[in-house]
Amino acid sequence: MNKSELIEHIARQADISKAAAGRSLEAVIGAVKTTLKKGDSVTITGFGTFTAPKRKARTGRNPRTGVAIKIKAAKVPKFRPGKGLRDAM
């Protein structure tokens, strides 16, 4: 499912226009991004938790040449599914 299919599904399920569903989805995505940038987590009960832990700097390898390279520290978004989502699978 891509973003436009998700918007169509939301519009159908909530009985709202596609434009309203798109704005709603954008609002949710924006809220998650903003919260993760602040260093907080977003928990949706029954669905899961979005976090952005800091990953340490490390040494990696260029797969083409095999040369060692330095990979700098970064915040990387992660998602941990909740019990409701796990049980639904």
PDB file of N, CA and C in Angstrom:
ATOM      1  N   MET A   1       0.849  -1.172   0.000  1.00  0.00           N
ATOM      2  CA  MET A   1       0.000   0.000   0.000  1.00  0.00           C
ATOM      3  C   MET A   1       0.897   1.238   0.000  1.00  0.00           C
ATOM      4  N   ASN A   2       0.634   2.152  -0.911  1.00  0.00           N
ATOM      5  CA  ASN A   2       1.395   3.401  -0.933  1.00  0.00           C
ATOM      6  C   ASN A   2       0.569   4.512  -0.286  1.00  0.00           C
ATOM      7  N   LYS A   3       1.122   5.719  -0.294  1.00  0.00           N
ATOM      8  CA  LYS A   3       0.481   6.827   0.417  1.00  0.00           C
ATOM      9  C   LYS A   3      -0.897   7.166  -0.149  1.00  0.00           C
ATOM     10  N   SER A   4      -1.027   7.203  -1.469  1.00  0.00           N
ATOM     11  CA  SER A   4      -2.332   7.549  -2.053  1.00  0.00           C
ATOM     12  C   SER A   4      -3.376   6.471  -1.762  1.00  0.00           C
ATOM     13  N   GLU A   5      -2.971   5.207  -1.749  1.00  0.00           N
ATOM     14  CA  GLU A   5      -3.898   4.126  -1.403  1.00  0.00           C
ATOM     15  C   GLU A   5      -4.307   4.224   0.067  1.00  0.00           C
ATOM     16  N   LEU A   6      -3.366   4.618   0.921  1.00  0.00           N
ATOM     17  CA  LEU A   6      -3.678   4.795   2.335  1.00  0.00           C
ATOM     18  C   LEU A   6      -4.672   5.937   2.524  1.00  0.00           C
ATOM     19  N   ILE A   7      -4.484   7.027   1.801  1.00  0.00           N
ATOM     20  CA  ILE A   7      -5.406   8.158   1.879  1.00  0.00           C
ATOM     21  C   ILE A   7      -6.802   7.734   1.427  1.00  0.00           C
ATOM     22  N   GLU A   8      -6.888   6.970   0.338  1.00  0.00           N
ATOM     23  CA  GLU A   8      -8.182   6.467  -0.123  1.00  0.00           C
ATOM     24  C   GLU A   8      -8.844   5.595   0.942  1.00  0.00           C
ATOM     25  N   HIS A   9      -8.068   4.738   1.573  1.00  0.00           N
ATOM     26  CA  HIS A   9      -8.597   3.848   2.605  1.00  0.00           C
ATOM     27  C   HIS A   9      -9.115   4.654   3.804  1.00  0.00           C
ATOM     28  N   ILE A  10      -8.336   5.645   4.238  1.00  0.00           N
ATOM     29  CA  ILE A  10      -8.760   6.493   5.356  1.00  0.00           C
ATOM     30  C   ILE A  10     -10.053   7.217   5.005  1.00  0.00           C
ATOM     31  N   ALA A  11     -10.120   7.757   3.791  1.00  0.00           N
ATOM     32  CA  ALA A  11     -11.318   8.499   3.357  1.00  0.00           C
ATOM     33  C   ALA A  11     -12.550   7.598   3.376  1.00  0.00           C
ATOM     34  N   ARG A  12     -12.394   6.374   2.886  1.00  0.00           N
ATOM     35  CA  ARG A  12     -13.512   5.422   2.863  1.00  0.00           C
ATOM     36  C   ARG A  12     -13.942   5.032   4.268  1.00  0.00           C
ATOM     37  N   GLN A  13     -12.972   4.680   5.116  1.00  0.00           N
ATOM     38  CA  GLN A  13     -13.275   4.208   6.467  1.00  0.00           C
ATOM     39  C   GLN A  13     -13.883   5.311   7.336  1.00  0.00           C
ATOM     40  N   ALA A  14     -13.398   6.540   7.192  1.00  0.00           N
ATOM     41  CA  ALA A  14     -13.863   7.642   8.042  1.00  0.00           C
ATOM     42  C   ALA A  14     -15.004   8.421   7.393  1.00  0.00           C
ATOM     43  N   ASP A  15     -15.377   8.049   6.171  1.00  0.00           N
ATOM     44  CA  ASP A  15     -16.435   8.723   5.420  1.00  0.00           C
ATOM     45  C   ASP A  15     -16.158  10.229   5.311  1.00  0.00           C
ATOM     46  N   ILE A  16     -14.925  10.539   4.869  1.00  0.00           N
ATOM     47  CA  ILE A  16     -14.524  11.928   4.644  1.00  0.00           C
ATOM     48  C   ILE A  16     -13.930  12.031   3.245  1.00  0.00           C
ATOM     49  N   SER A  17     -13.691  13.246   2.792  1.00  0.00           N
ATOM     50  CA  SER A  17     -13.119  13.433   1.454  1.00  0.00           C
ATOM     51  C   SER A  17     -11.649  13.005   1.441  1.00  0.00           C
ATOM     52  N   LYS A  18     -11.145  12.736   0.234  1.00  0.00           N
ATOM     53  CA  LYS A  18      -9.740  12.367   0.104  1.00  0.00           C
ATOM     54  C   LYS A  18      -8.846  13.525   0.539  1.00  0.00           C
ATOM     55  N   ALA A  19      -9.277  14.754   0.258  1.00  0.00           N
ATOM     56  CA  ALA A  19      -8.486  15.921   0.655  1.00  0.00           C
ATOM     57  C   ALA A  19      -8.370  16.001   2.173  1.00  0.00           C
ATOM     58  N   ALA A  20      -9.465  15.774   2.873  1.00  0.00           N
ATOM     59  CA  ALA A  20      -9.443  15.805   4.338  1.00  0.00           C
ATOM     60  C   ALA A  20      -8.603  14.658   4.886  1.00  0.00           C
ATOM     61  N   ALA A  21      -8.708  13.496   4.269  1.00  0.00           N
ATOM     62  CA  ALA A  21      -7.914  12.344   4.701  1.00  0.00           C
ATOM     63  C   ALA A  21      -6.428  12.619   4.481  1.00  0.00           C
ATOM     64  N   GLY A  22      -6.094  13.239   3.362  1.00  0.00           N
ATOM     65  CA  GLY A  22      -4.698  13.579   3.078  1.00  0.00           C
ATOM     66  C   GLY A  22      -4.147  14.572   4.083  1.00  0.00           C
ATOM     67  N   ARG A  23      -4.941  15.589   4.424  1.00  0.00           N
ATOM     68  CA  ARG A  23      -4.509  16.564   5.425  1.00  0.00           C
ATOM     69  C   ARG A  23      -4.330  15.898   6.791  1.00  0.00           C
ATOM     70  N   SER A  24      -5.213  14.983   7.124  1.00  0.00           N
ATOM     71  CA  SER A  24      -5.115  14.271   8.401  1.00  0.00           C
ATOM     72  C   SER A  24      -3.840  13.428   8.464  1.00  0.00           C
ATOM     73  N   LEU A  25      -3.576  12.708   7.384  1.00  0.00           N
ATOM     74  CA  LEU A  25      -2.376  11.873   7.340  1.00  0.00           C
ATOM     75  C   LEU A  25      -1.122  12.739   7.434  1.00  0.00           C
ATOM     76  N   GLU A  26      -1.086  13.848   6.698  1.00  0.00           N
ATOM     77  CA  GLU A  26       0.058  14.763   6.752  1.00  0.00           C
ATOM     78  C   GLU A  26       0.245  15.330   8.154  1.00  0.00           C
ATOM     79  N   ALA A  27      -0.854  15.622   8.839  1.00  0.00           N
ATOM     80  CA  ALA A  27      -0.778  16.147  10.202  1.00  0.00           C
ATOM     81  C   ALA A  27      -0.166  15.107  11.148  1.00  0.00           C
ATOM     82  N   VAL A  28      -0.565  13.854  11.003  1.00  0.00           N
ATOM     83  CA  VAL A  28      -0.025  12.789  11.852  1.00  0.00           C
ATOM     84  C   VAL A  28       1.466  12.599  11.574  1.00  0.00           C
ATOM     85  N   ILE A  29       1.832  12.532  10.308  1.00  0.00           N
ATOM     86  CA  ILE A  29       3.237  12.346   9.943  1.00  0.00           C
ATOM     87  C   ILE A  29       4.072  13.528  10.434  1.00  0.00           C
ATOM     88  N   GLY A  30       3.551  14.739  10.277  1.00  0.00           N
ATOM     89  CA  GLY A  30       4.258  15.929  10.747  1.00  0.00           C
ATOM     90  C   GLY A  30       4.457  15.929  12.253  1.00  0.00           C
ATOM     91  N   ALA A  31       3.437  15.507  12.986  1.00  0.00           N
ATOM     92  CA  ALA A  31       3.539  15.447  14.445  1.00  0.00           C
ATOM     93  C   ALA A  31       4.589  14.430  14.877  1.00  0.00           C
ATOM     94  N   VAL A  32       4.639  13.287  14.210  1.00  0.00           N
ATOM     95  CA  VAL A  32       5.631  12.261  14.541  1.00  0.00           C
ATOM     96  C   VAL A  32       7.032  12.800  14.258  1.00  0.00           C
ATOM     97  N   LYS A  33       7.240  13.417  13.093  1.00  0.00           N
ATOM     98  CA  LYS A  33       8.556  13.971  12.743  1.00  0.00           C
ATOM     99  C   LYS A  33       9.006  15.015  13.749  1.00  0.00           C
ATOM    100  N   THR A  34       8.120  15.946  14.083  1.00  0.00           N
ATOM    101  CA  THR A  34       8.455  17.024  15.014  1.00  0.00           C
ATOM    102  C   THR A  34       8.831  16.472  16.381  1.00  0.00           C
ATOM    103  N   THR A  35       8.058  15.510  16.857  1.00  0.00           N
ATOM    104  CA  THR A  35       8.312  14.927  18.171  1.00  0.00           C
ATOM    105  C   THR A  35       9.641  14.173  18.190  1.00  0.00           C
ATOM    106  N   LEU A  36       9.937  13.419  17.129  1.00  0.00           N
ATOM    107  CA  LEU A  36      11.195  12.673  17.064  1.00  0.00           C
ATOM    108  C   LEU A  36      12.389  13.620  16.981  1.00  0.00           C
ATOM    109  N   LYS A  37      12.252  14.743  16.268  1.00  0.00           N
ATOM    110  CA  LYS A  37      13.338  15.723  16.190  1.00  0.00           C
ATOM    111  C   LYS A  37      13.659  16.301  17.558  1.00  0.00           C
ATOM    112  N   LYS A  38      12.634  16.454  18.405  1.00  0.00           N
ATOM    113  CA  LYS A  38      12.832  16.971  19.760  1.00  0.00           C
ATOM    114  C   LYS A  38      13.517  15.948  20.667  1.00  0.00           C
ATOM    115  N   GLY A  39      13.555  14.698  20.235  1.00  0.00           N
ATOM    116  CA  GLY A  39      14.164  13.649  21.041  1.00  0.00           C
ATOM    117  C   GLY A  39      13.169  12.857  21.860  1.00  0.00           C
ATOM    118  N   ASP A  40      11.887  13.118  21.665  1.00  0.00           N
ATOM    119  CA  ASP A  40      10.847  12.381  22.381  1.00  0.00           C
ATOM    120  C   ASP A  40      10.381  11.192  21.553  1.00  0.00           C
ATOM    121  N   SER A  41       9.537  10.366  22.137  1.00  0.00           N
ATOM    122  CA  SER A  41       8.982   9.222  21.418  1.00  0.00           C
ATOM    123  C   SER A  41       7.477   9.436  21.231  1.00  0.00           C
ATOM    124  N   VAL A  42       6.916   8.721  20.265  1.00  0.00           N
ATOM    125  CA  VAL A  42       5.484   8.775  19.995  1.00  0.00           C
ATOM    126  C   VAL A  42       4.931   7.370  20.192  1.00  0.00           C
ATOM    127  N   THR A  43       3.984   7.231  21.118  1.00  0.00           N
ATOM    128  CA  THR A  43       3.378   5.932  21.385  1.00  0.00           C
ATOM    129  C   THR A  43       1.909   5.977  21.003  1.00  0.00           C
ATOM    130  N   ILE A  44       1.508   5.054  20.148  1.00  0.00           N
ATOM    131  CA  ILE A  44       0.110   4.902  19.775  1.00  0.00           C
ATOM    132  C   ILE A  44      -0.319   3.549  20.348  1.00  0.00           C
ATOM    133  N   THR A  45      -1.092   3.598  21.406  1.00  0.00           N
ATOM    134  CA  THR A  45      -1.491   2.388  22.108  1.00  0.00           C
ATOM    135  C   THR A  45      -2.174   1.412  21.161  1.00  0.00           C
ATOM    136  N   GLY A  46      -1.732   0.172  21.191  1.00  0.00           N
ATOM    137  CA  GLY A  46      -2.290  -0.862  20.332  1.00  0.00           C
ATOM    138  C   GLY A  46      -1.631  -0.918  18.966  1.00  0.00           C
ATOM    139  N   PHE A  47      -0.813   0.094  18.628  1.00  0.00           N
ATOM    140  CA  PHE A  47      -0.144   0.108  17.322  1.00  0.00           C
ATOM    141  C   PHE A  47       1.359  -0.014  17.473  1.00  0.00           C
ATOM    142  N   GLY A  48       1.984   0.911  18.224  1.00  0.00           N
ATOM    143  CA  GLY A  48       3.423   0.828  18.411  1.00  0.00           C
ATOM    144  C   GLY A  48       4.026   2.136  18.864  1.00  0.00           C
ATOM    145  N   THR A  49       5.371   2.140  18.924  1.00  0.00           N
ATOM    146  CA  THR A  49       6.117   3.292  19.401  1.00  0.00           C
ATOM    147  C   THR A  49       7.189   3.680  18.399  1.00  0.00           C
ATOM    148  N   PHE A  50       7.226   4.977  18.082  1.00  0.00           N
ATOM    149  CA  PHE A  50       8.271   5.535  17.231  1.00  0.00           C
ATOM    150  C   PHE A  50       9.301   6.194  18.140  1.00  0.00           C
ATOM    151  N   THR A  51      10.584   5.897  17.935  1.00  0.00           N
ATOM    152  CA  THR A  51      11.665   6.520  18.686  1.00  0.00           C
ATOM    153  C   THR A  51      12.762   6.936  17.708  1.00  0.00           C
ATOM    154  N   ALA A  52      13.690   7.775  18.189  1.00  0.00           N
ATOM    155  CA  ALA A  52      14.834   8.169  17.369  1.00  0.00           C
ATOM    156  C   ALA A  52      16.094   8.147  18.229  1.00  0.00           C
ATOM    157  N   PRO A  53      16.583   6.943  18.564  1.00  0.00           N
ATOM    158  CA  PRO A  53      17.789   6.871  19.389  1.00  0.00           C
ATOM    159  C   PRO A  53      19.018   7.320  18.603  1.00  0.00           C
ATOM    160  N   LYS A  54      20.034   7.750  19.324  1.00  0.00           N
ATOM    161  CA  LYS A  54      21.262   8.189  18.685  1.00  0.00           C
ATOM    162  C   LYS A  54      22.150   6.969  18.455  1.00  0.00           C
ATOM    163  N   ARG A  55      22.626   6.831  17.239  1.00  0.00           N
ATOM    164  CA  ARG A  55      23.527   5.731  16.894  1.00  0.00           C
ATOM    165  C   ARG A  55      24.954   6.260  16.951  1.00  0.00           C
ATOM    166  N   LYS A  56      25.843   5.522  17.584  1.00  0.00           N
ATOM    167  CA  LYS A  56      27.230   5.953  17.750  1.00  0.00           C
ATOM    168  C   LYS A  56      27.980   5.953  16.414  1.00  0.00           C
ATOM    169  N   ALA A  57      29.041   6.742  16.369  1.00  0.00           N
ATOM    170  CA  ALA A  57      29.925   6.735  15.210  1.00  0.00           C
ATOM    171  C   ALA A  57      30.619   5.370  15.162  1.00  0.00           C
ATOM    172  N   ARG A  58      30.908   4.913  13.965  1.00  0.00           N
ATOM    173  CA  ARG A  58      31.538   3.596  13.840  1.00  0.00           C
ATOM    174  C   ARG A  58      32.343   3.518  12.544  1.00  0.00           C
ATOM    175  N   THR A  59      33.069   2.449  12.397  1.00  0.00           N
ATOM    176  CA  THR A  59      33.847   2.214  11.185  1.00  0.00           C
ATOM    177  C   THR A  59      33.110   1.187  10.336  1.00  0.00           C
ATOM    178  N   GLY A  60      32.991   1.488   9.045  1.00  0.00           N
ATOM    179  CA  GLY A  60      32.344   0.568   8.114  1.00  0.00           C
ATOM    180  C   GLY A  60      33.268   0.283   6.956  1.00  0.00           C
ATOM    181  N   ARG A  61      32.759  -0.411   5.963  1.00  0.00           N
ATOM    182  CA  ARG A  61      33.553  -0.723   4.773  1.00  0.00           C
ATOM    183  C   ARG A  61      32.780  -0.357   3.518  1.00  0.00           C
ATOM    184  N   ASN A  62      33.492   0.222   2.564  1.00  0.00           N
ATOM    185  CA  ASN A  62      32.913   0.482   1.252  1.00  0.00           C
ATOM    186  C   ASN A  62      32.754  -0.871   0.571  1.00  0.00           C
ATOM    187  N   PRO A  63      31.525  -1.272   0.206  1.00  0.00           N
ATOM    188  CA  PRO A  63      31.333  -2.608  -0.362  1.00  0.00           C
ATOM    189  C   PRO A  63      32.024  -2.818  -1.715  1.00  0.00           C
ATOM    190  N   ARG A  64      32.246  -1.750  -2.456  1.00  0.00           N
ATOM    191  CA  ARG A  64      32.914  -1.898  -3.762  1.00  0.00           C
ATOM    192  C   ARG A  64      34.413  -2.075  -3.632  1.00  0.00           C
ATOM    193  N   THR A  65      35.021  -1.266  -2.757  1.00  0.00           N
ATOM    194  CA  THR A  65      36.478  -1.280  -2.685  1.00  0.00           C
ATOM    195  C   THR A  65      37.013  -2.007  -1.453  1.00  0.00           C
ATOM    196  N   GLY A  66      36.208  -2.161  -0.431  1.00  0.00           N
ATOM    197  CA  GLY A  66      36.653  -2.811   0.794  1.00  0.00           C
ATOM    198  C   GLY A  66      37.426  -1.878   1.711  1.00  0.00           C
ATOM    199  N   VAL A  67      37.541  -0.606   1.327  1.00  0.00           N
ATOM    200  CA  VAL A  67      38.270   0.377   2.119  1.00  0.00           C
ATOM    201  C   VAL A  67      37.447   0.747   3.353  1.00  0.00           C
ATOM    202  N   ALA A  68      38.133   0.849   4.494  1.00  0.00           N
ATOM    203  CA  ALA A  68      37.458   1.239   5.731  1.00  0.00           C
ATOM    204  C   ALA A  68      37.055   2.709   5.656  1.00  0.00           C
ATOM    205  N   ILE A  69      35.831   3.002   6.110  1.00  0.00           N
ATOM    206  CA  ILE A  69      35.346   4.384   6.123  1.00  0.00           C
ATOM    207  C   ILE A  69      34.762   4.682   7.498  1.00  0.00           C
ATOM    208  N   LYS A  70      34.748   5.963   7.841  1.00  0.00           N
ATOM    209  CA  LYS A  70      34.158   6.376   9.111  1.00  0.00           C
ATOM    210  C   LYS A  70      32.709   6.759   8.860  1.00  0.00           C
ATOM    211  N   ILE A  71      31.818   6.223   9.672  1.00  0.00           N
ATOM    212  CA  ILE A  71      30.391   6.555   9.603  1.00  0.00           C
ATOM    213  C   ILE A  71      30.093   7.381  10.843  1.00  0.00           C
ATOM    214  N   LYS A  72      29.607   8.617  10.638  1.00  0.00           N
ATOM    215  CA  LYS A  72      29.403   9.502  11.784  1.00  0.00           C
ATOM    216  C   LYS A  72      28.144   9.140  12.561  1.00  0.00           C
ATOM    217  N   ALA A  73      28.069   9.635  13.777  1.00  0.00           N
ATOM    218  CA  ALA A  73      26.917   9.400  14.648  1.00  0.00           C
ATOM    219  C   ALA A  73      25.680  10.039  14.029  1.00  0.00           C
ATOM    220  N   ALA A  74      24.524   9.429  14.261  1.00  0.00           N
ATOM    221  CA  ALA A  74      23.282   9.944  13.688  1.00  0.00           C
ATOM    222  C   ALA A  74      22.090   9.497  14.524  1.00  0.00           C
ATOM    223  N   LYS A  75      21.019  10.272  14.431  1.00  0.00           N
ATOM    224  CA  LYS A  75      19.743   9.861  15.021  1.00  0.00           C
ATOM    225  C   LYS A  75      18.993   9.105  13.931  1.00  0.00           C
ATOM    226  N   VAL A  76      18.542   7.905  14.252  1.00  0.00           N
ATOM    227  CA  VAL A  76      17.875   7.064  13.267  1.00  0.00           C
ATOM    228  C   VAL A  76      16.491   6.687  13.777  1.00  0.00           C
ATOM    229  N   PRO A  77      15.420   6.988  13.009  1.00  0.00           N
ATOM    230  CA  PRO A  77      14.077   6.636  13.475  1.00  0.00           C
ATOM    231  C   PRO A  77      13.879   5.122  13.515  1.00  0.00           C
ATOM    232  N   LYS A  78      13.196   4.673  14.558  1.00  0.00           N
ATOM    233  CA  LYS A  78      12.882   3.246  14.710  1.00  0.00           C
ATOM    234  C   LYS A  78      11.418   3.107  15.097  1.00  0.00           C
ATOM    235  N   PHE A  79      10.859   1.962  14.762  1.00  0.00           N
ATOM    236  CA  PHE A  79       9.478   1.654  15.126  1.00  0.00           C
ATOM    237  C   PHE A  79       9.449   0.314  15.823  1.00  0.00           C
ATOM    238  N   ARG A  80       8.791   0.276  16.976  1.00  0.00           N
ATOM    239  CA  ARG A  80       8.612  -0.978  17.708  1.00  0.00           C
ATOM    240  C   ARG A  80       7.115  -1.261  17.761  1.00  0.00           C
ATOM    241  N   PRO A  81       6.653  -2.335  17.126  1.00  0.00           N
ATOM    242  CA  PRO A  81       5.216  -2.619  17.115  1.00  0.00           C
ATOM    243  C   PRO A  81       4.686  -2.928  18.510  1.00  0.00           C
ATOM    244  N   GLY A  82       3.443  -2.522  18.752  1.00  0.00           N
ATOM    245  CA  GLY A  82       2.776  -2.792  20.017  1.00  0.00           C
ATOM    246  C   GLY A  82       2.113  -4.157  20.008  1.00  0.00           C
ATOM    247  N   LYS A  83       1.598  -4.544  21.145  1.00  0.00           N
ATOM    248  CA  LYS A  83       0.988  -5.861  21.298  1.00  0.00           C
ATOM    249  C   LYS A  83      -0.197  -6.047  20.356  1.00  0.00           C
ATOM    250  N   GLY A  84      -1.036  -5.012  20.201  1.00  0.00           N
ATOM    251  CA  GLY A  84      -2.193  -5.119  19.325  1.00  0.00           C
ATOM    252  C   GLY A  84      -1.803  -5.407  17.882  1.00  0.00           C
ATOM    253  N   LEU A  85      -0.753  -4.749  17.393  1.00  0.00           N
ATOM    254  CA  LEU A  85      -0.274  -4.980  16.025  1.00  0.00           C
ATOM    255  C   LEU A  85       0.351  -6.356  15.892  1.00  0.00           C
ATOM    256  N   ARG A  86       1.148  -6.748  16.875  1.00  0.00           N
ATOM    257  CA  ARG A  86       1.773  -8.075  16.829  1.00  0.00           C
ATOM    258  C   ARG A  86       0.720  -9.179  16.834  1.00  0.00           C
ATOM    259  N   ASP A  87      -0.308  -9.016  17.669  1.00  0.00           N
ATOM    260  CA  ASP A  87      -1.361 -10.020  17.749  1.00  0.00           C
ATOM    261  C   ASP A  87      -2.179 -10.094  16.465  1.00  0.00           C
ATOM    262  N   ALA A  88      -2.313  -8.966  15.774  1.00  0.00           N
ATOM    263  CA  ALA A  88      -3.071  -8.934  14.523  1.00  0.00           C
ATOM    264  C   ALA A  88      -2.351  -9.658  13.400  1.00  0.00           C
ATOM    265  N   MET A  89      -1.050  -9.815  13.530  1.00  0.00           N
ATOM    266  CA  MET A  89      -0.281 -10.496  12.498  1.00  0.00           C
ATOM    267  C   MET A  89      -0.409 -11.966  12.706  1.00  0.00           C
TER     268      MET A  89
END
